[in-house]
Amino acid sequence: MVAWLLSGAAAVAGTVESTPAQHPLRPPDVSSPRATLDSLRRNLNQAYRLADSSDSHTKDTVVLLRRALRTLNLSEEPESIRDSIGIEAALHLKEIIDRIELPPLEQIPDKAEVNSRALTKWRLPNTEIVIARVEDGAHTGEWLFSPATVDNAADFYERIAHLPYRPGATPRIYAAYSMTPGPGLSLSWSQNVPRWLGWELFGQTLWQWFGGLLVGALAVGLILVLYRAARHADKSRATTPPSRRATILALLFAIAVAAGVEYFFDQIVNFTGGVLIFTKDAFIVVLDVLIGWVTVLVLTQIPELIVRSRRLRPRGIDSQLLRLGFKLLAFVALAGLVIEGADRLGLPAYSVITGLGVGGLAVALAARETLANVLGSLAIMLDRPFRTGDWIKIGGDEGTVEDIGFRSTRIRTFYDSLLSIPNATTVNAVVDNMGQRTYRRVYTRLNIRYDTKPAQIEAFIEGIKGIIREHPTTRKDYFHVVLHDLGSHSLEIMVYFFLQVPDWSKELVDRQQVLGDILHLADSLGVQFAFPTQTIELDRWPASSATTNQEPAISMPLQSSE
């Protein structure tokens, strides 16, 4: 025990044989339980001495505090709060050691005893404080305070806080740390501030609550005002789809403000304990949400910029495919942010990925019809069986394609109604794309009278051929105009040709022109068109058997049109 007192006194007096100032790169000795316990005490005693010095700065104590936390096994703590939790645990352990009776120095295993007895852990007598040998990882072979000891250090401290300090202690070192702005340690700060600001509420002093809540409220108010102004600015721009440029800038500013507030909480207010863990986790979530929000907005605006710069049709296949690709990219980015944020919160990445997989499977099963439609839209965009503006036939439905969405395809029928067909149905149906025709067929039969002379018929046929050859939109290399059949009431001339036009409206106009020219040709040649006729024969029945003179039957043609 005398040795412990002498060691503590020497550290406080500044006569420690090896200090970080002398050997700044030498790690603390953690080769045995004795060395680890002594390293914790020596570094914190030195930090306490510097904190009590009038010519020192709080940052001078940071190196010593970090050397003290190197005696702790922090492998199970979240990386984002590992240093802060470690310093607090080290200070709690120092408060405990300063109040309880330690065993004689020679009874604590040193390196030689550890090797000879093959020890793997050592417990401080009459406590649950354990120093154990690290079996794997970057600190393999080192003797560190166990993760369970680190987790329960605050509880252990609460249970012995009523005990008096023993000789060579560093009184109220943890209270001084919680009162000091920033990560360092200063005894003068806690002594100079008004006493009422040091009152504790939920483990934090009043000045910490005042500073944290004031800055947090100002930051939230500023972010909300800027966001609303940005939304108003975006709505004032008459663009389709609406621009989100101002909103993106506001969110980027919000990220900067949130990062600044986090720095203020960490480096100035210096929350501790459960409040520290809560604020750290809250800022991780807030920053990841803001970054994810900005990422989604940026990735949804990029395809719109491409569509406008290349002058693509806003609802065309290429535009839709661009939007879908960037939406998938946004989904991947969000998944990456979730995994990264969960890792910083201390959740195993493997568990998070498994959870995302199970959650995705559940969503897919619950929304399999929607997913089938989305996959169908992707197949339509890649295969391109039709495009916006095409006249198509799907089953018994036909019309002009107005929009190809992610769930359904909208068709404007010729009755001017809007028909929505799920993409899962569309991709599996037989689609007759009338809009992709290079040529549009015209087929008709002209019925002319039987009394038309053969010369007139030949002239009429050659004249129709000439009309087809001269028309600007007809196909010249393939058409037929022939005397096709001898009908029941007329001679049938088949007219078969193709028009090369872009749409149905143009087809109707050119078809009318060709047929009108044929009518003019028929009129000039004296060719008359026939219509259905019937011949009815009437027999007169004899008035009596005595009648000897029979009148012949009367036959007269009756013309009728059907």
Protein backbone atom coordinates (compact mmCIF):
# COMPACT_ATOMS: atom_id res chain seq x y z
CA MET A 1 0.00 0.00 0.00
CA VAL A 2 2.90 2.32 0.79
CA ALA A 3 4.18 1.75 -2.74
CA TRP A 4 0.83 2.83 -4.18
CA LEU A 5 0.85 6.00 -2.11
CA LEU A 6 4.43 6.80 -3.11
CA SER A 7 3.55 6.24 -6.78
CA GLY A 8 0.53 8.50 -6.53
CA ALA A 9 2.45 11.21 -4.72
CA ALA A 10 5.25 11.09 -7.27
CA ALA A 11 2.79 11.44 -10.13
CA VAL A 12 1.07 14.43 -8.54
CA ALA A 13 4.43 16.04 -7.80
CA GLY A 14 5.44 15.65 -11.42
CA THR A 15 8.33 13.28 -10.75
CA VAL A 16 7.06 10.38 -12.81
CA GLU A 17 10.04 8.85 -14.52
CA SER A 18 8.47 8.69 -18.00
CA THR A 19 5.80 11.16 -19.15
CA PRO A 20 4.21 11.69 -22.59
CA ALA A 21 6.15 14.92 -22.91
CA GLN A 22 9.40 12.98 -22.66
CA HIS A 23 8.29 10.10 -24.88
CA PRO A 24 5.17 11.28 -26.77
CA LEU A 25 4.94 8.17 -28.99
CA ARG A 26 5.44 5.57 -26.24
CA PRO A 27 2.14 3.72 -25.62
CA PRO A 28 0.97 3.09 -22.07
CA ASP A 29 2.25 -0.12 -20.49
CA VAL A 30 -0.51 -2.73 -20.62
CA SER A 31 1.64 -5.85 -20.42
CA SER A 32 0.04 -7.11 -17.20
CA PRO A 33 -2.77 -6.26 -14.76
CA ARG A 34 -0.28 -4.40 -12.57
CA ALA A 35 1.06 -2.33 -15.48
CA THR A 36 -2.46 -1.54 -16.81
CA LEU A 37 -3.77 -0.38 -13.44
CA ASP A 38 -0.65 1.69 -12.83
CA SER A 39 -0.83 3.26 -16.32
CA LEU A 40 -4.41 4.37 -15.71
CA ARG A 41 -3.49 5.97 -12.39
CA ARG A 42 -0.28 7.61 -13.60
CA ASN A 43 -1.83 9.27 -16.67
CA LEU A 44 -4.88 10.58 -14.83
CA ASN A 45 -2.77 11.84 -11.93
CA GLN A 46 -0.62 13.73 -14.43
CA ALA A 47 -3.72 15.11 -16.20
CA TYR A 48 -5.11 16.27 -12.84
CA ARG A 49 -1.83 18.04 -12.02
CA LEU A 50 -1.86 19.84 -15.39
CA ALA A 51 -5.53 20.77 -14.99
CA ASP A 52 -4.72 22.42 -11.67
CA SER A 53 -1.85 24.41 -13.16
CA SER A 54 -2.62 28.05 -13.92
CA ASP A 55 -0.30 28.23 -16.95
CA SER A 56 -1.68 25.16 -18.73
CA HIS A 57 -4.49 24.83 -21.28
CA THR A 58 -7.20 22.18 -21.27
CA LYS A 59 -5.90 20.78 -24.55
CA ASP A 60 -2.66 19.81 -22.73
CA THR A 61 -4.64 17.25 -20.75
CA VAL A 62 -6.22 15.62 -23.80
CA VAL A 63 -3.15 13.51 -24.59
CA LEU A 64 -3.07 12.14 -21.04
CA LEU A 65 -6.79 11.41 -21.04
CA ARG A 66 -6.43 9.51 -24.30
CA ARG A 67 -3.50 7.52 -22.91
CA ALA A 68 -5.70 6.58 -19.96
CA LEU A 69 -8.49 5.31 -22.20
CA ARG A 70 -5.91 3.12 -24.00
CA THR A 71 -6.04 0.90 -20.90
CA LEU A 72 -9.69 0.04 -21.68
CA ASN A 73 -11.09 -2.56 -24.06
CA LEU A 74 -13.53 -0.46 -26.12
CA SER A 75 -14.05 -2.99 -28.89
CA GLU A 76 -17.77 -3.36 -28.11
CA GLU A 77 -18.49 0.38 -28.02
CA PRO A 78 -19.83 2.25 -31.10
CA GLU A 79 -17.00 3.89 -32.97
CA SER A 80 -18.68 7.30 -33.01
CA ILE A 81 -18.65 7.61 -29.20
CA ARG A 82 -15.75 5.30 -28.39
CA ASP A 83 -13.33 8.02 -27.25
CA SER A 84 -15.89 9.94 -25.21
CA ILE A 85 -17.20 6.80 -23.51
CA GLY A 86 -13.63 5.64 -22.89
CA ILE A 87 -12.55 8.86 -21.17
CA GLU A 88 -15.66 8.85 -18.97
CA ALA A 89 -15.11 5.20 -18.03
CA ALA A 90 -11.45 5.88 -17.22
CA LEU A 91 -12.40 8.80 -14.97
CA HIS A 92 -15.09 6.71 -13.24
CA LEU A 93 -12.56 3.95 -12.61
CA LYS A 94 -10.14 6.54 -11.21
CA GLU A 95 -12.84 7.81 -8.85
CA ILE A 96 -13.43 4.21 -7.72
CA ILE A 97 -9.74 3.42 -7.23
CA ASP A 98 -9.30 6.62 -5.20
CA ARG A 99 -12.02 5.51 -2.76
CA ILE A 100 -11.47 1.77 -2.25
CA GLU A 101 -8.63 -0.11 -0.62
CA LEU A 102 -6.22 -1.52 -3.19
CA PRO A 103 -4.21 -4.70 -2.60
CA PRO A 104 -0.45 -4.39 -2.06
CA LEU A 105 1.45 -3.82 -5.27
CA GLU A 106 3.23 -7.20 -5.08
CA GLN A 107 -0.12 -9.02 -4.99
CA ILE A 108 -1.16 -7.68 -8.39
CA PRO A 109 0.15 -9.98 -11.17
CA ASP A 110 3.00 -8.57 -13.18
CA LYS A 111 4.27 -9.75 -16.58
CA ALA A 112 6.40 -12.55 -15.13
CA GLU A 113 3.58 -13.90 -13.01
CA VAL A 114 1.14 -13.73 -15.88
CA ASN A 115 3.43 -15.81 -18.08
CA SER A 116 4.23 -18.34 -15.34
CA ARG A 117 0.62 -18.87 -14.26
CA ALA A 118 -0.91 -18.56 -17.77
CA LEU A 119 -3.49 -16.05 -16.50
CA THR A 120 -6.16 -14.67 -18.82
CA LYS A 121 -7.89 -12.25 -16.43
CA TRP A 122 -7.57 -10.67 -13.00
CA ARG A 123 -10.29 -9.21 -10.80
CA LEU A 124 -9.71 -6.33 -8.41
CA PRO A 125 -10.42 -7.84 -4.95
CA ASN A 126 -13.95 -7.28 -3.59
CA THR A 127 -15.12 -5.67 -6.87
CA GLU A 128 -16.43 -6.60 -10.29
CA ILE A 129 -13.65 -4.67 -11.99
CA VAL A 130 -11.80 -7.05 -14.32
CA ILE A 131 -8.58 -6.63 -16.26
CA ALA A 132 -8.44 -9.30 -18.99
CA ARG A 133 -6.05 -10.34 -21.70
CA VAL A 134 -7.27 -9.49 -25.23
CA GLU A 135 -7.37 -12.66 -27.33
CA ASP A 136 -7.96 -11.23 -30.80
CA GLY A 137 -8.00 -8.03 -32.78
CA ALA A 138 -5.55 -5.16 -32.97
CA HIS A 139 -4.80 -5.30 -29.23
CA THR A 140 -4.12 -9.04 -28.99
CA GLY A 141 -1.98 -9.86 -25.96
CA GLU A 142 -2.66 -6.60 -24.13
CA TRP A 143 -4.17 -6.49 -20.64
CA LEU A 144 -7.12 -4.08 -20.66
CA PHE A 145 -10.11 -3.33 -18.48
CA SER A 146 -12.81 -5.67 -19.83
CA PRO A 147 -15.78 -4.45 -21.92
CA ALA A 148 -18.16 -5.36 -19.08
CA THR A 149 -16.12 -3.21 -16.69
CA VAL A 150 -16.26 -0.30 -19.16
CA ASP A 151 -20.04 -0.65 -19.57
CA ASN A 152 -20.67 -0.72 -15.80
CA ALA A 153 -18.07 1.84 -14.71
CA ALA A 154 -20.69 4.56 -14.17
CA ASP A 155 -22.86 2.21 -12.07
CA PHE A 156 -19.87 1.13 -10.01
CA TYR A 157 -19.05 4.79 -9.38
CA GLU A 158 -22.60 5.60 -8.25
CA ARG A 159 -22.39 2.78 -5.69
CA ILE A 160 -19.19 4.08 -4.05
CA ALA A 161 -19.60 7.85 -4.58
CA HIS A 162 -20.43 8.33 -0.88
CA LEU A 163 -17.08 6.91 0.27
CA PRO A 164 -14.29 9.30 1.27
CA TYR A 165 -11.17 9.78 -0.85
CA ARG A 166 -8.02 7.98 0.21
CA PRO A 167 -4.58 9.61 0.38
CA GLY A 168 -3.04 10.47 -3.01
CA ALA A 169 -6.47 10.79 -4.74
CA THR A 170 -7.53 13.28 -7.40
CA PRO A 171 -10.71 14.69 -5.82
CA ARG A 172 -13.73 15.31 -8.06
CA ILE A 173 -11.80 14.64 -11.26
CA TYR A 174 -14.92 13.41 -13.05
CA ALA A 175 -17.01 16.40 -11.90
CA ALA A 176 -14.28 18.74 -13.13
CA TYR A 177 -14.24 16.97 -16.51
CA SER A 178 -18.04 17.25 -16.91
CA MET A 179 -17.86 20.98 -16.07
CA THR A 180 -14.99 21.73 -18.46
CA PRO A 181 -15.94 22.92 -21.97
CA GLY A 182 -14.49 20.67 -24.62
CA PRO A 183 -12.74 17.32 -24.32
CA GLY A 184 -10.01 18.45 -21.91
CA LEU A 185 -9.84 18.88 -18.15
CA SER A 186 -9.64 22.16 -16.17
CA LEU A 187 -10.06 22.61 -12.44
CA SER A 188 -10.13 26.41 -12.63
CA TRP A 189 -13.21 26.45 -14.87
CA SER A 190 -15.35 24.56 -12.40
CA GLN A 191 -14.13 26.82 -9.59
CA ASN A 192 -14.74 30.15 -11.38
CA VAL A 193 -18.25 29.68 -12.83
CA PRO A 194 -21.25 30.57 -10.63
CA ARG A 195 -22.10 27.76 -8.28
CA TRP A 196 -25.71 27.44 -9.49
CA LEU A 197 -24.53 26.73 -13.04
CA GLY A 198 -22.86 23.62 -11.70
CA TRP A 199 -26.08 22.12 -10.39
CA GLU A 200 -26.75 18.78 -12.04
CA LEU A 201 -29.92 17.77 -13.88
CA PHE A 202 -30.06 14.27 -15.38
CA GLY A 203 -26.30 13.95 -15.01
CA GLN A 204 -25.48 17.27 -16.75
CA THR A 205 -24.79 20.70 -15.31
CA LEU A 206 -27.18 23.59 -15.89
CA TRP A 207 -24.73 25.50 -18.08
CA GLN A 208 -24.52 22.48 -20.39
CA TRP A 209 -28.31 22.31 -20.66
CA PHE A 210 -28.62 26.06 -21.28
CA GLY A 211 -25.91 26.13 -23.93
CA GLY A 212 -27.05 22.96 -25.70
CA LEU A 213 -30.77 23.80 -25.79
CA LEU A 214 -30.18 27.40 -26.89
CA VAL A 215 -27.89 26.51 -29.77
CA GLY A 216 -30.07 23.55 -30.77
CA ALA A 217 -33.25 25.66 -30.83
CA LEU A 218 -31.58 28.40 -32.89
CA ALA A 219 -30.27 25.82 -35.38
CA VAL A 220 -33.66 24.14 -35.80
CA GLY A 221 -35.41 27.49 -36.27
CA LEU A 222 -32.86 28.64 -38.85
CA ILE A 223 -33.12 25.38 -40.80
CA LEU A 224 -36.94 25.51 -40.86
CA VAL A 225 -37.01 29.13 -42.06
CA LEU A 226 -34.51 28.46 -44.85
CA TYR A 227 -36.27 25.27 -45.91
CA ARG A 228 -39.65 26.99 -46.20
CA ALA A 229 -38.10 29.86 -48.15
CA ALA A 230 -36.43 27.36 -50.49
CA ARG A 231 -39.70 25.49 -51.06
CA HIS A 232 -41.43 28.76 -51.89
CA ALA A 233 -38.65 29.70 -54.31
CA ASP A 234 -38.90 26.34 -56.07
CA LYS A 235 -42.67 26.60 -56.42
CA SER A 236 -42.36 30.08 -57.92
CA ARG A 237 -40.41 28.63 -60.86
CA ALA A 238 -42.86 27.39 -63.49
CA THR A 239 -40.96 24.29 -64.59
CA THR A 240 -42.20 20.79 -65.32
CA PRO A 241 -41.19 18.78 -63.40
CA PRO A 242 -40.65 21.35 -60.63
CA SER A 243 -37.06 22.38 -59.93
CA ARG A 244 -35.65 21.52 -56.48
CA ARG A 245 -32.47 23.59 -56.74
CA ALA A 246 -33.25 25.91 -53.82
CA THR A 247 -34.40 22.99 -51.67
CA ILE A 248 -31.13 21.14 -52.32
CA LEU A 249 -29.11 24.22 -51.35
CA ALA A 250 -31.19 24.62 -48.17
CA LEU A 251 -30.63 20.98 -47.22
CA LEU A 252 -26.88 21.31 -47.82
CA PHE A 253 -26.90 24.31 -45.51
CA ALA A 254 -28.89 22.25 -42.97
CA ILE A 255 -26.19 19.55 -43.10
CA ALA A 256 -23.52 22.16 -42.40
CA VAL A 257 -25.54 23.60 -39.52
CA ALA A 258 -26.18 20.15 -38.02
CA ALA A 259 -22.48 19.31 -38.25
CA GLY A 260 -21.65 22.61 -36.56
CA VAL A 261 -24.10 21.98 -33.74
CA GLU A 262 -22.67 18.49 -33.27
CA TYR A 263 -19.19 20.00 -32.99
CA PHE A 264 -20.49 22.52 -30.46
CA PHE A 265 -22.08 19.78 -28.35
CA ASP A 266 -18.95 17.64 -28.51
CA GLN A 267 -16.17 20.21 -28.24
CA ILE A 268 -17.82 22.95 -26.17
CA VAL A 269 -20.78 21.67 -24.18
CA ASN A 270 -19.16 18.27 -23.59
CA PHE A 271 -22.24 16.26 -22.67
CA THR A 272 -21.52 13.06 -20.79
CA GLY A 273 -23.20 9.76 -19.94
CA GLY A 274 -26.56 8.85 -21.42
CA VAL A 275 -27.13 12.35 -22.81
CA LEU A 276 -23.86 12.05 -24.75
CA ILE A 277 -24.93 8.72 -26.23
CA PHE A 278 -28.37 10.10 -27.14
CA THR A 279 -27.01 13.25 -28.81
CA LYS A 280 -24.36 11.31 -30.74
CA ASP A 281 -26.92 8.79 -32.02
CA ALA A 282 -29.40 11.56 -32.79
CA PHE A 283 -26.86 13.48 -34.89
CA ILE A 284 -25.91 10.32 -36.77
CA VAL A 285 -29.57 9.77 -37.66
CA VAL A 286 -30.25 13.43 -38.50
CA LEU A 287 -27.16 13.81 -40.69
CA ASP A 288 -27.82 10.53 -42.51
CA VAL A 289 -31.45 11.54 -43.13
CA LEU A 290 -30.39 14.92 -44.50
CA ILE A 291 -27.65 13.40 -46.65
CA GLY A 292 -30.06 10.76 -47.94
CA TRP A 293 -32.66 13.44 -48.69
CA VAL A 294 -30.16 15.51 -50.66
CA THR A 295 -28.91 12.40 -52.47
CA VAL A 296 -32.42 11.46 -53.60
CA LEU A 297 -33.22 15.00 -54.76
CA VAL A 298 -29.95 15.31 -56.68
CA LEU A 299 -30.31 11.90 -58.33
CA THR A 300 -33.91 12.67 -59.36
CA GLN A 301 -32.96 16.06 -60.77
CA ILE A 302 -30.03 14.82 -62.87
CA PRO A 303 -32.21 12.88 -65.39
CA GLU A 304 -34.47 15.93 -65.79
CA LEU A 305 -31.43 18.06 -66.63
CA ILE A 306 -30.32 15.45 -69.17
CA VAL A 307 -33.79 15.31 -70.72
CA ARG A 308 -33.92 19.09 -71.08
CA SER A 309 -30.34 19.48 -72.32
CA ARG A 310 -30.73 16.78 -74.98
CA ARG A 311 -34.29 17.83 -75.78
CA LEU A 312 -35.72 14.39 -75.23
CA ARG A 313 -39.45 13.81 -75.05
CA PRO A 314 -40.37 14.14 -71.34
CA ARG A 315 -42.59 11.03 -71.42
CA GLY A 316 -40.55 9.09 -73.96
CA ILE A 317 -38.91 5.72 -73.40
CA ASP A 318 -35.41 7.21 -73.12
CA SER A 319 -36.53 9.73 -70.53
CA GLN A 320 -38.35 7.09 -68.50
CA LEU A 321 -35.36 4.77 -68.63
CA LEU A 322 -33.08 7.57 -67.39
CA ARG A 323 -35.42 8.28 -64.48
CA LEU A 324 -35.67 4.61 -63.56
CA GLY A 325 -31.88 4.15 -63.63
CA PHE A 326 -31.27 7.12 -61.35
CA LYS A 327 -34.04 5.99 -58.99
CA LEU A 328 -32.34 2.61 -58.67
CA LEU A 329 -29.05 4.42 -58.02
CA ALA A 330 -30.76 6.48 -55.30
CA PHE A 331 -32.09 3.28 -53.72
CA VAL A 332 -28.59 1.79 -53.62
CA ALA A 333 -27.20 5.00 -52.12
CA LEU A 334 -29.88 5.00 -49.41
CA ALA A 335 -29.15 1.36 -48.58
CA GLY A 336 -25.46 2.22 -48.24
CA LEU A 337 -26.30 5.13 -45.93
CA VAL A 338 -28.47 2.88 -43.76
CA ILE A 339 -25.70 0.30 -43.42
CA GLU A 340 -23.06 2.96 -42.70
CA GLY A 341 -25.28 4.71 -40.15
CA ALA A 342 -26.15 1.45 -38.43
CA ASP A 343 -22.46 0.61 -38.17
CA ARG A 344 -21.76 3.98 -36.54
CA LEU A 345 -24.62 3.35 -34.12
CA GLY A 346 -22.99 0.09 -33.11
CA LEU A 347 -25.30 -2.27 -34.97
CA PRO A 348 -23.56 -5.16 -36.77
CA ALA A 349 -23.47 -4.56 -40.52
CA TYR A 350 -24.26 -8.22 -41.20
CA SER A 351 -27.44 -7.99 -39.13
CA VAL A 352 -28.46 -4.79 -40.88
CA ILE A 353 -27.93 -6.31 -44.33
CA THR A 354 -29.88 -9.41 -43.27
CA GLY A 355 -32.66 -7.20 -41.94
CA LEU A 356 -32.78 -5.24 -45.18
CA GLY A 357 -32.95 -8.51 -47.10
CA VAL A 358 -35.76 -9.89 -44.95
CA GLY A 359 -37.58 -6.57 -45.03
CA GLY A 360 -37.18 -6.36 -48.80
CA LEU A 361 -38.53 -9.89 -49.16
CA ALA A 362 -41.53 -9.05 -46.99
CA VAL A 363 -42.23 -5.91 -49.01
CA ALA A 364 -41.82 -7.84 -52.26
CA LEU A 365 -44.32 -10.48 -51.12
CA ALA A 366 -46.79 -7.86 -49.92
CA ALA A 367 -46.48 -5.80 -53.09
CA ARG A 368 -45.74 -8.50 -55.66
CA GLU A 369 -48.31 -7.08 -58.09
CA THR A 370 -46.72 -3.64 -57.90
CA LEU A 371 -43.28 -5.18 -58.26
CA ALA A 372 -44.45 -7.16 -61.28
CA ASN A 373 -45.71 -3.94 -62.85
CA VAL A 374 -42.41 -2.18 -62.16
CA LEU A 375 -40.46 -5.05 -63.72
CA GLY A 376 -42.90 -4.98 -66.62
CA SER A 377 -42.24 -1.28 -67.13
CA LEU A 378 -38.50 -1.99 -67.11
CA ALA A 379 -38.99 -4.71 -69.74
CA ILE A 380 -41.05 -2.34 -71.90
CA MET A 381 -38.40 0.37 -71.63
CA LEU A 382 -35.59 -2.01 -72.54
CA ASP A 383 -37.40 -3.99 -75.24
CA ARG A 384 -39.33 -1.00 -76.62
CA PRO A 385 -42.29 -2.78 -78.27
CA PHE A 386 -43.96 0.62 -78.59
CA ARG A 387 -43.35 4.24 -77.67
CA THR A 388 -45.40 7.28 -76.75
CA GLY A 389 -47.61 8.32 -79.69
CA ASP A 390 -47.83 4.86 -81.29
CA TRP A 391 -51.17 3.39 -82.29
CA ILE A 392 -51.28 -0.08 -80.74
CA LYS A 393 -53.70 -2.96 -80.31
CA ILE A 394 -53.64 -5.05 -77.11
CA GLY A 395 -56.22 -7.77 -77.10
CA GLY A 396 -59.53 -6.13 -77.84
CA ASP A 397 -58.28 -2.65 -76.96
CA GLU A 398 -56.60 -0.16 -79.24
CA GLY A 399 -55.62 3.46 -79.20
CA THR A 400 -52.69 5.90 -79.04
CA VAL A 401 -50.08 5.49 -76.29
CA GLU A 402 -50.08 8.61 -74.12
CA ASP A 403 -47.80 7.58 -71.26
CA ILE A 404 -45.62 4.66 -70.18
CA GLY A 405 -45.43 4.79 -66.40
CA PHE A 406 -43.80 2.57 -63.79
CA ARG A 407 -47.09 0.86 -62.96
CA SER A 408 -49.26 1.09 -66.07
CA THR A 409 -49.41 2.14 -69.70
CA ARG A 410 -52.06 4.73 -70.58
CA ILE A 411 -53.77 4.52 -73.96
CA ARG A 412 -56.09 7.15 -75.43
CA THR A 413 -58.79 5.21 -77.27
CA PHE A 414 -60.55 6.43 -80.39
CA TYR A 415 -63.57 7.14 -78.19
CA ASP A 416 -61.34 9.69 -76.37
CA SER A 417 -61.39 7.63 -73.18
CA LEU A 418 -58.17 6.95 -71.25
CA LEU A 419 -57.36 3.28 -70.77
CA SER A 420 -54.79 2.18 -68.14
CA ILE A 421 -53.31 -1.28 -68.63
CA PRO A 422 -50.98 -2.71 -65.94
CA ASN A 423 -47.48 -3.19 -67.30
CA ALA A 424 -47.39 -6.78 -66.02
CA THR A 425 -50.32 -7.48 -68.39
CA THR A 426 -48.90 -5.41 -71.23
CA VAL A 427 -45.50 -7.12 -71.25
CA ASN A 428 -47.15 -10.58 -71.48
CA ALA A 429 -49.77 -9.64 -74.07
CA VAL A 430 -49.62 -9.74 -77.87
CA VAL A 431 -49.05 -6.12 -78.92
CA ASP A 432 -49.86 -5.10 -82.48
CA ASN A 433 -47.98 -1.85 -83.00
CA MET A 434 -49.76 -0.08 -85.82
CA GLY A 435 -47.65 3.02 -85.26
CA GLN A 436 -44.42 1.26 -86.29
CA ARG A 437 -45.64 0.48 -89.80
CA THR A 438 -43.38 1.74 -92.58
CA TYR A 439 -46.29 1.54 -95.06
CA ARG A 440 -50.04 1.65 -94.45
CA ARG A 441 -52.10 -0.62 -96.62
CA VAL A 442 -55.15 0.51 -98.59
CA TYR A 443 -57.35 -2.27 -99.94
CA THR A 444 -60.68 -1.76 -101.67
CA ARG A 445 -62.84 -3.20 -104.48
CA LEU A 446 -64.49 -1.06 -107.11
CA ASN A 447 -67.78 -2.44 -108.54
CA ILE A 448 -68.49 -1.27 -112.10
CA ARG A 449 -71.44 -2.12 -114.30
CA TYR A 450 -71.48 -5.19 -116.55
CA ASP A 451 -72.25 -3.07 -119.59
CA THR A 452 -68.87 -1.31 -119.32
CA LYS A 453 -66.86 -1.90 -122.46
CA PRO A 454 -63.56 -3.80 -122.22
CA ALA A 455 -61.62 -0.83 -123.58
CA GLN A 456 -63.06 1.37 -120.86
CA ILE A 457 -62.12 -1.20 -118.24
CA GLU A 458 -58.51 -1.33 -119.45
CA ALA A 459 -58.27 2.46 -119.60
CA PHE A 460 -59.78 2.74 -116.13
CA ILE A 461 -57.29 0.21 -114.67
CA GLU A 462 -54.28 1.92 -116.27
CA GLY A 463 -55.54 5.29 -115.13
CA ILE A 464 -55.73 4.10 -111.51
CA LYS A 465 -52.18 2.78 -111.77
CA GLY A 466 -51.08 6.18 -113.01
CA ILE A 467 -52.77 7.88 -110.06
CA ILE A 468 -50.93 5.61 -107.63
CA ARG A 469 -47.59 6.22 -109.37
CA GLU A 470 -48.02 9.98 -109.35
CA HIS A 471 -49.18 10.42 -105.76
CA PRO A 472 -46.26 11.59 -103.56
CA THR A 473 -46.84 9.26 -100.57
CA THR A 474 -47.73 5.98 -102.30
CA ARG A 475 -45.34 3.06 -102.57
CA LYS A 476 -44.27 2.84 -106.19
CA ASP A 477 -42.58 -0.57 -106.28
CA TYR A 478 -45.46 -2.68 -105.03
CA PHE A 479 -49.19 -2.24 -105.79
CA HIS A 480 -51.97 -4.09 -107.67
CA VAL A 481 -54.88 -2.84 -109.74
CA VAL A 482 -56.60 -5.76 -111.56
CA LEU A 483 -59.98 -6.98 -112.74
CA HIS A 484 -60.41 -9.36 -109.86
CA ASP A 485 -63.79 -11.05 -110.17
CA LEU A 486 -67.08 -11.28 -112.03
CA GLY A 487 -69.55 -10.60 -109.28
CA SER A 488 -73.25 -11.32 -109.05
CA HIS A 489 -74.18 -7.82 -110.03
CA SER A 490 -70.92 -6.12 -111.09
CA LEU A 491 -67.38 -6.36 -112.35
CA GLU A 492 -64.95 -6.17 -109.39
CA ILE A 493 -61.67 -4.25 -109.72
CA MET A 494 -59.27 -4.79 -106.85
CA VAL A 495 -57.18 -1.77 -105.81
CA TYR A 496 -54.28 -2.65 -103.48
CA PHE A 497 -51.52 -0.15 -102.61
CA PHE A 498 -49.55 1.31 -99.68
CA LEU A 499 -49.11 4.80 -98.25
CA GLN A 500 -45.89 5.93 -96.56
CA VAL A 501 -47.21 8.37 -93.96
CA PRO A 502 -46.26 9.09 -90.30
CA ASP A 503 -49.67 8.76 -88.64
CA TRP A 504 -53.31 7.85 -89.05
CA SER A 505 -54.46 11.40 -89.72
CA LYS A 506 -52.14 11.75 -92.70
CA GLU A 507 -53.21 8.31 -93.87
CA LEU A 508 -56.87 9.37 -93.99
CA VAL A 509 -56.07 12.54 -95.94
CA ASP A 510 -53.94 10.79 -98.58
CA ARG A 511 -56.36 7.90 -98.89
CA GLN A 512 -59.12 10.43 -99.61
CA GLN A 513 -56.98 12.11 -102.27
CA VAL A 514 -56.31 8.85 -104.10
CA LEU A 515 -59.94 7.72 -103.98
CA GLY A 516 -61.11 11.18 -105.10
CA ASP A 517 -58.79 11.04 -108.11
CA ILE A 518 -60.21 7.61 -108.99
CA LEU A 519 -63.76 9.04 -108.94
CA HIS A 520 -62.69 11.86 -111.27
CA LEU A 521 -61.05 9.32 -113.57
CA ALA A 522 -64.21 7.18 -113.68
CA ASP A 523 -66.31 10.22 -114.54
CA SER A 524 -63.96 11.26 -117.35
CA LEU A 525 -63.97 7.77 -118.90
CA GLY A 526 -67.71 7.26 -118.55
CA VAL A 527 -67.28 4.33 -116.20
CA GLN A 528 -70.30 3.88 -113.96
CA PHE A 529 -70.27 2.13 -110.63
CA ALA A 530 -72.74 -0.66 -110.10
CA PHE A 531 -75.00 -1.36 -107.20
CA PRO A 532 -76.75 -4.61 -106.26
CA THR A 533 -79.74 -5.52 -108.53
CA GLN A 534 -82.26 -8.35 -108.56
CA THR A 535 -84.48 -9.74 -111.35
CA ILE A 536 -87.96 -10.94 -110.36
CA GLU A 537 -90.11 -13.06 -112.74
CA LEU A 538 -93.92 -12.91 -112.32
CA ASP A 539 -96.18 -15.69 -113.71
CA ARG A 540 -99.92 -15.04 -114.22
CA TRP A 541 -102.07 -17.86 -112.85
CA PRO A 542 -104.95 -19.07 -115.22
CA ALA A 543 -108.32 -17.53 -114.29
CA SER A 544 -110.20 -20.79 -115.15
CA SER A 545 -109.65 -24.15 -116.62
CA ALA A 546 -111.57 -23.08 -119.75
CA THR A 547 -109.06 -20.49 -120.62
CA THR A 548 -107.31 -21.54 -123.77
CA ASN A 549 -105.07 -18.60 -124.48
CA GLN A 550 -101.99 -18.45 -122.14
CA GLU A 551 -100.22 -15.14 -121.74
CA PRO A 552 -96.44 -15.29 -121.50
CA ALA A 553 -94.71 -14.70 -118.14
CA ILE A 554 -93.63 -11.12 -117.38
CA SER A 555 -89.99 -10.63 -116.43
CA MET A 556 -88.78 -7.23 -115.10
CA PRO A 557 -85.58 -6.27 -113.34
CA LEU A 558 -85.79 -4.54 -109.97
CA GLN A 559 -82.94 -2.37 -108.89
CA SER A 560 -82.25 -1.93 -105.28
CA SER A 561 -79.34 -0.69 -103.31
CA GLU A 562 -78.05 -2.32 -100.20
